[in-house]
PDB file of N, CA and C in Angstrom:
ATOM      1  N   MET A   1       5.015 -56.346  -1.904  1.00  0.00           N
ATOM      2  CA  MET A   1       4.545 -55.041  -1.440  1.00  0.00           C
ATOM      3  C   MET A   1       3.510 -55.249  -0.344  1.00  0.00           C
ATOM      4  N   SER A   2       3.627 -54.502   0.713  1.00  0.00           N
ATOM      5  CA  SER A   2       2.715 -54.684   1.841  1.00  0.00           C
ATOM      6  C   SER A   2       1.497 -53.782   1.709  1.00  0.00           C
ATOM      7  N   ASP A   3       0.423 -54.215   2.349  1.00  0.00           N
ATOM      8  CA  ASP A   3      -0.734 -53.338   2.481  1.00  0.00           C
ATOM      9  C   ASP A   3      -0.427 -52.360   3.598  1.00  0.00           C
ATOM     10  N   LEU A   4      -0.887 -51.143   3.444  1.00  0.00           N
ATOM     11  CA  LEU A   4      -0.646 -50.142   4.472  1.00  0.00           C
ATOM     12  C   LEU A   4      -1.598 -50.366   5.644  1.00  0.00           C
ATOM     13  N   GLN A   5      -1.085 -50.180   6.837  1.00  0.00           N
ATOM     14  CA  GLN A   5      -1.893 -50.305   8.037  1.00  0.00           C
ATOM     15  C   GLN A   5      -2.902 -49.166   8.075  1.00  0.00           C
ATOM     16  N   VAL A   6      -4.106 -49.466   8.524  1.00  0.00           N
ATOM     17  CA  VAL A   6      -5.163 -48.468   8.635  1.00  0.00           C
ATOM     18  C   VAL A   6      -5.281 -48.040  10.089  1.00  0.00           C
ATOM     19  N   VAL A   7      -5.370 -46.732  10.307  1.00  0.00           N
ATOM     20  CA  VAL A   7      -5.639 -46.204  11.645  1.00  0.00           C
ATOM     21  C   VAL A   7      -6.954 -45.443  11.598  1.00  0.00           C
ATOM     22  N   ASP A   8      -7.555 -45.287  12.762  1.00  0.00           N
ATOM     23  CA  ASP A   8      -8.795 -44.523  12.867  1.00  0.00           C
ATOM     24  C   ASP A   8      -8.792 -43.762  14.185  1.00  0.00           C
ATOM     25  N   GLU A   9      -9.926 -43.164  14.520  1.00  0.00           N
ATOM     26  CA  GLU A   9      -9.984 -42.332  15.719  1.00  0.00           C
ATOM     27  C   GLU A   9      -9.717 -43.130  16.995  1.00  0.00           C
ATOM     28  N   THR A  10      -9.960 -44.438  16.971  1.00  0.00           N
ATOM     29  CA  THR A  10      -9.742 -45.246  18.173  1.00  0.00           C
ATOM     30  C   THR A  10      -8.294 -45.723  18.303  1.00  0.00           C
ATOM     31  N   THR A  11      -7.546 -45.750  17.202  1.00  0.00           N
ATOM     32  CA  THR A  11      -6.174 -46.280  17.239  1.00  0.00           C
ATOM     33  C   THR A  11      -5.105 -45.228  16.959  1.00  0.00           C
ATOM     34  N   PHE A  12      -5.499 -44.016  16.595  1.00  0.00           N
ATOM     35  CA  PHE A  12      -4.552 -42.991  16.189  1.00  0.00           C
ATOM     36  C   PHE A  12      -3.527 -42.667  17.278  1.00  0.00           C
ATOM     37  N   ASP A  13      -3.988 -42.428  18.484  1.00  0.00           N
ATOM     38  CA  ASP A  13      -3.059 -42.068  19.562  1.00  0.00           C
ATOM     39  C   ASP A  13      -2.027 -43.161  19.798  1.00  0.00           C
ATOM     40  N   GLU A  14      -2.495 -44.396  19.882  1.00  0.00           N
ATOM     41  CA  GLU A  14      -1.584 -45.506  20.160  1.00  0.00           C
ATOM     42  C   GLU A  14      -0.609 -45.764  19.009  1.00  0.00           C
ATOM     43  N   LEU A  15      -1.125 -45.840  17.776  1.00  0.00           N
ATOM     44  CA  LEU A  15      -0.296 -46.252  16.640  1.00  0.00           C
ATOM     45  C   LEU A  15       0.489 -45.124  15.992  1.00  0.00           C
ATOM     46  N   VAL A  16       0.070 -43.882  16.213  1.00  0.00           N
ATOM     47  CA  VAL A  16       0.764 -42.739  15.599  1.00  0.00           C
ATOM     48  C   VAL A  16       1.479 -41.906  16.662  1.00  0.00           C
ATOM     49  N   LEU A  17       0.743 -41.386  17.612  1.00  0.00           N
ATOM     50  CA  LEU A  17       1.330 -40.445  18.565  1.00  0.00           C
ATOM     51  C   LEU A  17       2.257 -41.119  19.578  1.00  0.00           C
ATOM     52  N   ARG A  18       1.995 -42.387  19.922  1.00  0.00           N
ATOM     53  CA  ARG A  18       2.848 -43.086  20.885  1.00  0.00           C
ATOM     54  C   ARG A  18       3.777 -44.111  20.228  1.00  0.00           C
ATOM     55  N   ALA A  19       3.926 -44.036  18.924  1.00  0.00           N
ATOM     56  CA  ALA A  19       4.783 -44.984  18.196  1.00  0.00           C
ATOM     57  C   ALA A  19       6.245 -44.776  18.581  1.00  0.00           C
ATOM     58  N   ASP A  20       7.022 -45.854  18.513  1.00  0.00           N
ATOM     59  CA  ASP A  20       8.439 -45.765  18.885  1.00  0.00           C
ATOM     60  C   ASP A  20       9.330 -45.312  17.737  1.00  0.00           C
ATOM     61  N   LYS A  21       8.761 -45.111  16.563  1.00  0.00           N
ATOM     62  CA  LYS A  21       9.514 -44.556  15.433  1.00  0.00           C
ATOM     63  C   LYS A  21       8.593 -43.606  14.667  1.00  0.00           C
ATOM     64  N   PRO A  22       9.142 -42.794  13.768  1.00  0.00           N
ATOM     65  CA  PRO A  22       8.308 -41.853  13.018  1.00  0.00           C
ATOM     66  C   PRO A  22       7.194 -42.562  12.245  1.00  0.00           C
ATOM     67  N   VAL A  23       6.074 -41.879  12.110  1.00  0.00           N
ATOM     68  CA  VAL A  23       4.909 -42.425  11.410  1.00  0.00           C
ATOM     69  C   VAL A  23       4.447 -41.417  10.359  1.00  0.00           C
ATOM     70  N   LEU A  24       4.349 -41.886   9.115  1.00  0.00           N
ATOM     71  CA  LEU A  24       3.796 -41.089   8.022  1.00  0.00           C
ATOM     72  C   LEU A  24       2.332 -41.457   7.873  1.00  0.00           C
ATOM     73  N   VAL A  25       1.454 -40.476   8.035  1.00  0.00           N
ATOM     74  CA  VAL A  25       0.014 -40.703   7.936  1.00  0.00           C
ATOM     75  C   VAL A  25      -0.484 -40.165   6.600  1.00  0.00           C
ATOM     76  N   ASP A  26      -1.152 -41.029   5.858  1.00  0.00           N
ATOM     77  CA  ASP A  26      -1.784 -40.669   4.590  1.00  0.00           C
ATOM     78  C   ASP A  26      -3.254 -40.397   4.864  1.00  0.00           C
ATOM     79  N   PHE A  27      -3.644 -39.119   4.868  1.00  0.00           N
ATOM     80  CA  PHE A  27      -5.051 -38.747   4.985  1.00  0.00           C
ATOM     81  C   PHE A  27      -5.653 -38.843   3.587  1.00  0.00           C
ATOM     82  N   TRP A  28      -6.665 -39.675   3.429  1.00  0.00           N
ATOM     83  CA  TRP A  28      -7.216 -39.961   2.107  1.00  0.00           C
ATOM     84  C   TRP A  28      -8.735 -40.103   2.194  1.00  0.00           C
ATOM     85  N   ALA A  29      -9.372 -40.240   1.017  1.00  0.00           N
ATOM     86  CA  ALA A  29     -10.807 -40.540   0.931  1.00  0.00           C
ATOM     87  C   ALA A  29     -11.055 -41.382  -0.315  1.00  0.00           C
ATOM     88  N   GLN A  30     -12.102 -42.159  -0.257  1.00  0.00           N
ATOM     89  CA  GLN A  30     -12.428 -43.075  -1.358  1.00  0.00           C
ATOM     90  C   GLN A  30     -12.655 -42.331  -2.675  1.00  0.00           C
ATOM     91  N   TRP A  31     -13.236 -41.132  -2.612  1.00  0.00           N
ATOM     92  CA  TRP A  31     -13.604 -40.382  -3.808  1.00  0.00           C
ATOM     93  C   TRP A  31     -12.432 -39.623  -4.437  1.00  0.00           C
ATOM     94  N   CYS A  32     -11.247 -39.700  -3.861  1.00  0.00           N
ATOM     95  CA  CYS A  32     -10.093 -38.878  -4.254  1.00  0.00           C
ATOM     96  C   CYS A  32      -9.143 -39.650  -5.183  1.00  0.00           C
ATOM     97  N   PRO A  33      -9.157 -39.377  -6.498  1.00  0.00           N
ATOM     98  CA  PRO A  33      -8.269 -40.104  -7.419  1.00  0.00           C
ATOM     99  C   PRO A  33      -6.776 -39.996  -7.082  1.00  0.00           C
ATOM    100  N   PRO A  34      -6.237 -38.809  -6.754  1.00  0.00           N
ATOM    101  CA  PRO A  34      -4.809 -38.764  -6.408  1.00  0.00           C
ATOM    102  C   PRO A  34      -4.473 -39.599  -5.169  1.00  0.00           C
ATOM    103  N   CYS A  35      -5.443 -39.755  -4.272  1.00  0.00           N
ATOM    104  CA  CYS A  35      -5.221 -40.586  -3.085  1.00  0.00           C
ATOM    105  C   CYS A  35      -4.933 -42.033  -3.494  1.00  0.00           C
ATOM    106  N   HIS A  36      -5.660 -42.515  -4.489  1.00  0.00           N
ATOM    107  CA  HIS A  36      -5.460 -43.880  -4.973  1.00  0.00           C
ATOM    108  C   HIS A  36      -4.146 -43.996  -5.749  1.00  0.00           C
ATOM    109  N   GLN A  37      -3.771 -42.942  -6.457  1.00  0.00           N
ATOM    110  CA  GLN A  37      -2.539 -42.963  -7.242  1.00  0.00           C
ATOM    111  C   GLN A  37      -1.294 -43.047  -6.372  1.00  0.00           C
ATOM    112  N   ILE A  38      -1.331 -42.463  -5.190  1.00  0.00           N
ATOM    113  CA  ILE A  38      -0.141 -42.415  -4.337  1.00  0.00           C
ATOM    114  C   ILE A  38       0.047 -43.685  -3.493  1.00  0.00           C
ATOM    115  N   VAL A  39      -0.981 -44.507  -3.387  1.00  0.00           N
ATOM    116  CA  VAL A  39      -0.898 -45.709  -2.543  1.00  0.00           C
ATOM    117  C   VAL A  39       0.268 -46.629  -2.922  1.00  0.00           C
ATOM    118  N   PRO A  40       0.488 -46.942  -4.207  1.00  0.00           N
ATOM    119  CA  PRO A  40       1.626 -47.823  -4.525  1.00  0.00           C
ATOM    120  C   PRO A  40       2.973 -47.232  -4.099  1.00  0.00           C
ATOM    121  N   ILE A  41       3.124 -45.920  -4.215  1.00  0.00           N
ATOM    122  CA  ILE A  41       4.362 -45.254  -3.791  1.00  0.00           C
ATOM    123  C   ILE A  41       4.522 -45.375  -2.281  1.00  0.00           C
ATOM    124  N   LEU A  42       3.446 -45.141  -1.549  1.00  0.00           N
ATOM    125  CA  LEU A  42       3.515 -45.243  -0.094  1.00  0.00           C
ATOM    126  C   LEU A  42       3.787 -46.671   0.356  1.00  0.00           C
ATOM    127  N   ALA A  43       3.219 -47.645  -0.348  1.00  0.00           N
ATOM    128  CA  ALA A  43       3.475 -49.050  -0.014  1.00  0.00           C
ATOM    129  C   ALA A  43       4.942 -49.408  -0.248  1.00  0.00           C
ATOM    130  N   GLN A  44       5.522 -48.882  -1.322  1.00  0.00           N
ATOM    131  CA  GLN A  44       6.947 -49.119  -1.583  1.00  0.00           C
ATOM    132  C   GLN A  44       7.803 -48.498  -0.476  1.00  0.00           C
ATOM    133  N   ILE A  45       7.479 -47.274  -0.096  1.00  0.00           N
ATOM    134  CA  ILE A  45       8.228 -46.599   0.966  1.00  0.00           C
ATOM    135  C   ILE A  45       8.076 -47.374   2.280  1.00  0.00           C
ATOM    136  N   ALA A  46       6.873 -47.846   2.568  1.00  0.00           N
ATOM    137  CA  ALA A  46       6.647 -48.622   3.790  1.00  0.00           C
ATOM    138  C   ALA A  46       7.528 -49.867   3.811  1.00  0.00           C
ATOM    139  N   ASP A  47       7.660 -50.535   2.671  1.00  0.00           N
ATOM    140  CA  ASP A  47       8.499 -51.733   2.581  1.00  0.00           C
ATOM    141  C   ASP A  47       9.981 -51.385   2.692  1.00  0.00           C
ATOM    142  N   GLU A  48      10.399 -50.392   1.931  1.00  0.00           N
ATOM    143  CA  GLU A  48      11.820 -50.045   1.858  1.00  0.00           C
ATOM    144  C   GLU A  48      12.339 -49.403   3.146  1.00  0.00           C
ATOM    145  N   ARG A  49      11.479 -48.706   3.867  1.00  0.00           N
ATOM    146  CA  ARG A  49      11.904 -47.966   5.057  1.00  0.00           C
ATOM    147  C   ARG A  49      11.315 -48.545   6.342  1.00  0.00           C
ATOM    148  N   ARG A  50      10.890 -49.793   6.333  1.00  0.00           N
ATOM    149  CA  ARG A  50      10.184 -50.367   7.482  1.00  0.00           C
ATOM    150  C   ARG A  50      10.963 -50.272   8.793  1.00  0.00           C
ATOM    151  N   ASP A  51      12.297 -50.245   8.722  1.00  0.00           N
ATOM    152  CA  ASP A  51      13.090 -50.151   9.948  1.00  0.00           C
ATOM    153  C   ASP A  51      13.148 -48.726  10.504  1.00  0.00           C
ATOM    154  N   GLN A  52      12.882 -47.727   9.663  1.00  0.00           N
ATOM    155  CA  GLN A  52      13.001 -46.326  10.062  1.00  0.00           C
ATOM    156  C   GLN A  52      11.668 -45.633  10.268  1.00  0.00           C
ATOM    157  N   LEU A  53      10.623 -46.159   9.625  1.00  0.00           N
ATOM    158  CA  LEU A  53       9.389 -45.393   9.454  1.00  0.00           C
ATOM    159  C   LEU A  53       8.208 -46.342   9.329  1.00  0.00           C
ATOM    160  N   THR A  54       7.081 -45.946   9.895  1.00  0.00           N
ATOM    161  CA  THR A  54       5.824 -46.661   9.691  1.00  0.00           C
ATOM    162  C   THR A  54       4.938 -45.780   8.818  1.00  0.00           C
ATOM    163  N   VAL A  55       4.256 -46.387   7.855  1.00  0.00           N
ATOM    164  CA  VAL A  55       3.328 -45.655   6.987  1.00  0.00           C
ATOM    165  C   VAL A  55       1.925 -46.210   7.224  1.00  0.00           C
ATOM    166  N   VAL A  56       0.980 -45.311   7.516  1.00  0.00           N
ATOM    167  CA  VAL A  56      -0.400 -45.714   7.781  1.00  0.00           C
ATOM    168  C   VAL A  56      -1.360 -44.852   6.976  1.00  0.00           C
ATOM    169  N   LYS A  57      -2.590 -45.349   6.845  1.00  0.00           N
ATOM    170  CA  LYS A  57      -3.644 -44.620   6.138  1.00  0.00           C
ATOM    171  C   LYS A  57      -4.756 -44.269   7.111  1.00  0.00           C
ATOM    172  N   LEU A  58      -5.335 -43.082   6.924  1.00  0.00           N
ATOM    173  CA  LEU A  58      -6.481 -42.662   7.709  1.00  0.00           C
ATOM    174  C   LEU A  58      -7.528 -42.089   6.760  1.00  0.00           C
ATOM    175  N   ASN A  59      -8.699 -42.699   6.720  1.00  0.00           N
ATOM    176  CA  ASN A  59      -9.782 -42.227   5.872  1.00  0.00           C
ATOM    177  C   ASN A  59     -10.376 -40.967   6.510  1.00  0.00           C
ATOM    178  N   SER A  60     -10.209 -39.845   5.852  1.00  0.00           N
ATOM    179  CA  SER A  60     -10.647 -38.553   6.402  1.00  0.00           C
ATOM    180  C   SER A  60     -12.159 -38.454   6.543  1.00  0.00           C
ATOM    181  N   ASP A  61     -12.894 -39.051   5.619  1.00  0.00           N
ATOM    182  CA  ASP A  61     -14.355 -39.004   5.700  1.00  0.00           C
ATOM    183  C   ASP A  61     -14.874 -39.797   6.892  1.00  0.00           C
ATOM    184  N   GLU A  62     -14.213 -40.890   7.218  1.00  0.00           N
ATOM    185  CA  GLU A  62     -14.658 -41.752   8.314  1.00  0.00           C
ATOM    186  C   GLU A  62     -14.093 -41.323   9.668  1.00  0.00           C
ATOM    187  N   ASN A  63     -13.127 -40.410   9.664  1.00  0.00           N
ATOM    188  CA  ASN A  63     -12.476 -39.958  10.896  1.00  0.00           C
ATOM    189  C   ASN A  63     -12.360 -38.439  10.924  1.00  0.00           C
ATOM    190  N   PRO A  64     -13.498 -37.747  10.896  1.00  0.00           N
ATOM    191  CA  PRO A  64     -13.468 -36.287  10.766  1.00  0.00           C
ATOM    192  C   PRO A  64     -12.829 -35.570  11.954  1.00  0.00           C
ATOM    193  N   ALA A  65     -12.858 -36.144  13.141  1.00  0.00           N
ATOM    194  CA  ALA A  65     -12.286 -35.454  14.305  1.00  0.00           C
ATOM    195  C   ALA A  65     -10.773 -35.290  14.149  1.00  0.00           C
ATOM    196  N   ILE A  66     -10.098 -36.315  13.676  1.00  0.00           N
ATOM    197  CA  ILE A  66      -8.647 -36.228  13.504  1.00  0.00           C
ATOM    198  C   ILE A  66      -8.314 -35.294  12.348  1.00  0.00           C
ATOM    199  N   SER A  67      -9.051 -35.426  11.258  1.00  0.00           N
ATOM    200  CA  SER A  67      -8.813 -34.537  10.112  1.00  0.00           C
ATOM    201  C   SER A  67      -9.015 -33.081  10.511  1.00  0.00           C
ATOM    202  N   SER A  68     -10.006 -32.823  11.317  1.00  0.00           N
ATOM    203  CA  SER A  68     -10.268 -31.466  11.778  1.00  0.00           C
ATOM    204  C   SER A  68      -9.172 -30.994  12.733  1.00  0.00           C
ATOM    205  N   LYS A  69      -8.764 -31.858  13.655  1.00  0.00           N
ATOM    206  CA  LYS A  69      -7.731 -31.495  14.627  1.00  0.00           C
ATOM    207  C   LYS A  69      -6.442 -31.050  13.939  1.00  0.00           C
ATOM    208  N   TYR A  70      -6.078 -31.739  12.851  1.00  0.00           N
ATOM    209  CA  TYR A  70      -4.838 -31.418  12.141  1.00  0.00           C
ATOM    210  C   TYR A  70      -5.071 -30.529  10.917  1.00  0.00           C
ATOM    211  N   ARG A  71      -6.275 -29.965  10.823  1.00  0.00           N
ATOM    212  CA  ARG A  71      -6.634 -28.997   9.781  1.00  0.00           C
ATOM    213  C   ARG A  71      -6.373 -29.521   8.367  1.00  0.00           C
ATOM    214  N   VAL A  72      -6.786 -30.747   8.115  1.00  0.00           N
ATOM    215  CA  VAL A  72      -6.666 -31.325   6.778  1.00  0.00           C
ATOM    216  C   VAL A  72      -7.754 -30.700   5.911  1.00  0.00           C
ATOM    217  N   MET A  73      -7.316 -29.934   4.904  1.00  0.00           N
ATOM    218  CA  MET A  73      -8.252 -29.194   4.061  1.00  0.00           C
ATOM    219  C   MET A  73      -8.338 -29.739   2.642  1.00  0.00           C
ATOM    220  N   ALA A  74      -7.358 -30.542   2.238  1.00  0.00           N
ATOM    221  CA  ALA A  74      -7.331 -31.105   0.888  1.00  0.00           C
ATOM    222  C   ALA A  74      -6.697 -32.491   0.970  1.00  0.00           C
ATOM    223  N   LEU A  75      -7.012 -33.304  -0.010  1.00  0.00           N
ATOM    224  CA  LEU A  75      -6.504 -34.677  -0.030  1.00  0.00           C
ATOM    225  C   LEU A  75      -5.782 -34.966  -1.335  1.00  0.00           C
ATOM    226  N   PRO A  76      -4.804 -35.839  -1.306  1.00  0.00           N
ATOM    227  CA  PRO A  76      -4.235 -36.454  -0.116  1.00  0.00           C
ATOM    228  C   PRO A  76      -3.370 -35.465   0.659  1.00  0.00           C
ATOM    229  N   THR A  77      -3.357 -35.621   1.954  1.00  0.00           N
ATOM    230  CA  THR A  77      -2.439 -34.899   2.825  1.00  0.00           C
ATOM    231  C   THR A  77      -1.582 -35.936   3.533  1.00  0.00           C
ATOM    232  N   LEU A  78      -0.279 -35.725   3.505  1.00  0.00           N
ATOM    233  CA  LEU A  78       0.648 -36.606   4.211  1.00  0.00           C
ATOM    234  C   LEU A  78       1.212 -35.840   5.391  1.00  0.00           C
ATOM    235  N   MET A  79       1.212 -36.480   6.567  1.00  0.00           N
ATOM    236  CA  MET A  79       1.762 -35.855   7.772  1.00  0.00           C
ATOM    237  C   MET A  79       2.721 -36.828   8.433  1.00  0.00           C
ATOM    238  N   LEU A  80       3.869 -36.309   8.820  1.00  0.00           N
ATOM    239  CA  LEU A  80       4.882 -37.110   9.487  1.00  0.00           C
ATOM    240  C   LEU A  80       4.905 -36.738  10.964  1.00  0.00           C
ATOM    241  N   PHE A  81       4.718 -37.749  11.811  1.00  0.00           N
ATOM    242  CA  PHE A  81       4.719 -37.565  13.257  1.00  0.00           C
ATOM    243  C   PHE A  81       5.944 -38.256  13.841  1.00  0.00           C
ATOM    244  N   HIS A  82       6.540 -37.617  14.850  1.00  0.00           N
ATOM    245  CA  HIS A  82       7.689 -38.198  15.540  1.00  0.00           C
ATOM    246  C   HIS A  82       7.572 -37.838  17.010  1.00  0.00           C
ATOM    247  N   ARG A  83       7.587 -38.845  17.869  1.00  0.00           N
ATOM    248  CA  ARG A  83       7.442 -38.641  19.318  1.00  0.00           C
ATOM    249  C   ARG A  83       6.189 -37.834  19.662  1.00  0.00           C
ATOM    250  N   GLY A  84       5.119 -38.125  18.956  1.00  0.00           N
ATOM    251  CA  GLY A  84       3.840 -37.492  19.242  1.00  0.00           C
ATOM    252  C   GLY A  84       3.637 -36.118  18.652  1.00  0.00           C
ATOM    253  N   GLU A  85       4.632 -35.613  17.949  1.00  0.00           N
ATOM    254  CA  GLU A  85       4.543 -34.268  17.368  1.00  0.00           C
ATOM    255  C   GLU A  85       4.477 -34.330  15.851  1.00  0.00           C
ATOM    256  N   LEU A  86       3.675 -33.453  15.263  1.00  0.00           N
ATOM    257  CA  LEU A  86       3.658 -33.289  13.813  1.00  0.00           C
ATOM    258  C   LEU A  86       4.919 -32.537  13.414  1.00  0.00           C
ATOM    259  N   ILE A  87       5.761 -33.156  12.577  1.00  0.00           N
ATOM    260  CA  ILE A  87       7.022 -32.508  12.209  1.00  0.00           C
ATOM    261  C   ILE A  87       7.087 -32.091  10.740  1.00  0.00           C
ATOM    262  N   TRP A  88       6.150 -32.586   9.911  1.00  0.00           N
ATOM    263  CA  TRP A  88       6.189 -32.252   8.487  1.00  0.00           C
ATOM    264  C   TRP A  88       4.853 -32.617   7.883  1.00  0.00           C
ATOM    265  N   SER A  89       4.422 -31.845   6.904  1.00  0.00           N
ATOM    266  CA  SER A  89       3.208 -32.203   6.163  1.00  0.00           C
ATOM    267  C   SER A  89       3.282 -31.646   4.754  1.00  0.00           C
ATOM    268  N   VAL A  90       2.534 -32.293   3.878  1.00  0.00           N
ATOM    269  CA  VAL A  90       2.473 -31.883   2.487  1.00  0.00           C
ATOM    270  C   VAL A  90       1.096 -32.259   1.943  1.00  0.00           C
ATOM    271  N   VAL A  91       0.597 -31.435   1.039  1.00  0.00           N
ATOM    272  CA  VAL A  91      -0.690 -31.702   0.398  1.00  0.00           C
ATOM    273  C   VAL A  91      -0.440 -32.072  -1.052  1.00  0.00           C
ATOM    274  N   GLY A  92      -1.076 -33.140  -1.499  1.00  0.00           N
ATOM    275  CA  GLY A  92      -0.986 -33.548  -2.891  1.00  0.00           C
ATOM    276  C   GLY A  92      -0.031 -34.706  -3.100  1.00  0.00           C
ATOM    277  N   ALA A  93      -0.242 -35.408  -4.187  1.00  0.00           N
ATOM    278  CA  ALA A  93       0.606 -36.540  -4.549  1.00  0.00           C
ATOM    279  C   ALA A  93       1.964 -36.033  -5.025  1.00  0.00           C
ATOM    280  N   ARG A  94       2.984 -36.862  -4.841  1.00  0.00           N
ATOM    281  CA  ARG A  94       4.352 -36.541  -5.236  1.00  0.00           C
ATOM    282  C   ARG A  94       4.969 -37.749  -5.910  1.00  0.00           C
ATOM    283  N   PRO A  95       5.915 -37.534  -6.830  1.00  0.00           N
ATOM    284  CA  PRO A  95       6.708 -38.660  -7.318  1.00  0.00           C
ATOM    285  C   PRO A  95       7.515 -39.237  -6.150  1.00  0.00           C
ATOM    286  N   LYS A  96       7.829 -40.503  -6.233  1.00  0.00           N
ATOM    287  CA  LYS A  96       8.509 -41.180  -5.138  1.00  0.00           C
ATOM    288  C   LYS A  96       9.826 -40.493  -4.756  1.00  0.00           C
ATOM    289  N   ALA A  97      10.653 -40.150  -5.711  1.00  0.00           N
ATOM    290  CA  ALA A  97      11.952 -39.550  -5.417  1.00  0.00           C
ATOM    291  C   ALA A  97      11.788 -38.229  -4.656  1.00  0.00           C
ATOM    292  N   LYS A  98      10.852 -37.403  -5.073  1.00  0.00           N
ATOM    293  CA  LYS A  98      10.618 -36.115  -4.404  1.00  0.00           C
ATOM    294  C   LYS A  98      10.088 -36.339  -2.989  1.00  0.00           C
ATOM    295  N   LEU A  99       9.175 -37.274  -2.842  1.00  0.00           N
ATOM    296  CA  LEU A  99       8.619 -37.564  -1.527  1.00  0.00           C
ATOM    297  C   LEU A  99       9.700 -38.093  -0.585  1.00  0.00           C
ATOM    298  N   LEU A 100      10.552 -38.991  -1.070  1.00  0.00           N
ATOM    299  CA  LEU A 100      11.633 -39.519  -0.237  1.00  0.00           C
ATOM    300  C   LEU A 100      12.604 -38.417   0.190  1.00  0.00           C
ATOM    301  N   LYS A 101      12.919 -37.511  -0.705  1.00  0.00           N
ATOM    302  CA  LYS A 101      13.824 -36.405  -0.384  1.00  0.00           C
ATOM    303  C   LYS A 101      13.219 -35.537   0.721  1.00  0.00           C
ATOM    304  N   GLU A 102      11.943 -35.213   0.583  1.00  0.00           N
ATOM    305  CA  GLU A 102      11.277 -34.382   1.587  1.00  0.00           C
ATOM    306  C   GLU A 102      11.188 -35.107   2.931  1.00  0.00           C
ATOM    307  N   LEU A 103      10.880 -36.401   2.902  1.00  0.00           N
ATOM    308  CA  LEU A 103      10.829 -37.189   4.136  1.00  0.00           C
ATOM    309  C   LEU A 103      12.191 -37.247   4.809  1.00  0.00           C
ATOM    310  N   ASP A 104      13.222 -37.523   4.008  1.00  0.00           N
ATOM    311  CA  ASP A 104      14.578 -37.598   4.562  1.00  0.00           C
ATOM    312  C   ASP A 104      14.996 -36.274   5.191  1.00  0.00           C
ATOM    313  N   ASP A 105      14.673 -35.168   4.527  1.00  0.00           N
ATOM    314  CA  ASP A 105      15.002 -33.849   5.083  1.00  0.00           C
ATOM    315  C   ASP A 105      14.288 -33.629   6.412  1.00  0.00           C
ATOM    316  N   ALA A 106      13.008 -34.005   6.491  1.00  0.00           N
ATOM    317  CA  ALA A 106      12.244 -33.841   7.719  1.00  0.00           C
ATOM    318  C   ALA A 106      12.787 -34.729   8.833  1.00  0.00           C
ATOM    319  N   LEU A 107      13.132 -35.952   8.484  1.00  0.00           N
ATOM    320  CA  LEU A 107      13.663 -36.890   9.487  1.00  0.00           C
ATOM    321  C   LEU A 107      15.037 -36.462   9.990  1.00  0.00           C
ATOM    322  N   LEU A 108      15.876 -35.932   9.097  1.00  0.00           N
ATOM    323  CA  LEU A 108      17.197 -35.458   9.513  1.00  0.00           C
ATOM    324  C   LEU A 108      17.095 -34.312  10.511  1.00  0.00           C
ATOM    325  N   ALA A 109      16.056 -33.500  10.362  1.00  0.00           N
ATOM    326  CA  ALA A 109      15.871 -32.370  11.257  1.00  0.00           C
ATOM    327  C   ALA A 109      15.521 -32.814  12.677  1.00  0.00           C
ATOM    328  N   THR A 110      15.087 -34.076  12.844  1.00  0.00           N
ATOM    329  CA  THR A 110      14.707 -34.566  14.167  1.00  0.00           C
ATOM    330  C   THR A 110      15.880 -35.199  14.909  1.00  0.00           C
ATOM    331  N   VAL A 111      16.984 -35.412  14.215  1.00  0.00           N
ATOM    332  CA  VAL A 111      18.127 -36.102  14.829  1.00  0.00           C
ATOM    333  C   VAL A 111      18.911 -35.171  15.728  1.00  0.00           C
TER     334      VAL A 111
END
């Protein structure tokens, strides 16, 4: 299982908005128990879908400008970006199967 790549305000544009494939951003905070619970699921998805999708983490407390720009109001928030555009988002932890279904539906809509 891989560790998830971390992005911040200095790397967000390059690693998320200008990425050559879709990027799932996990907005999280250290104090958020559900944020910690979803990490193993996201790491599995990152490994299993590495050819289709990049999964990254962004600490909302340490990067308030990005969290504010995308109106992150609760954690964890997952946002899927494709070609620099936000195409899907969800608030709260999900079981892996449900999260994969929602991701697949969002990705199919971009084809």
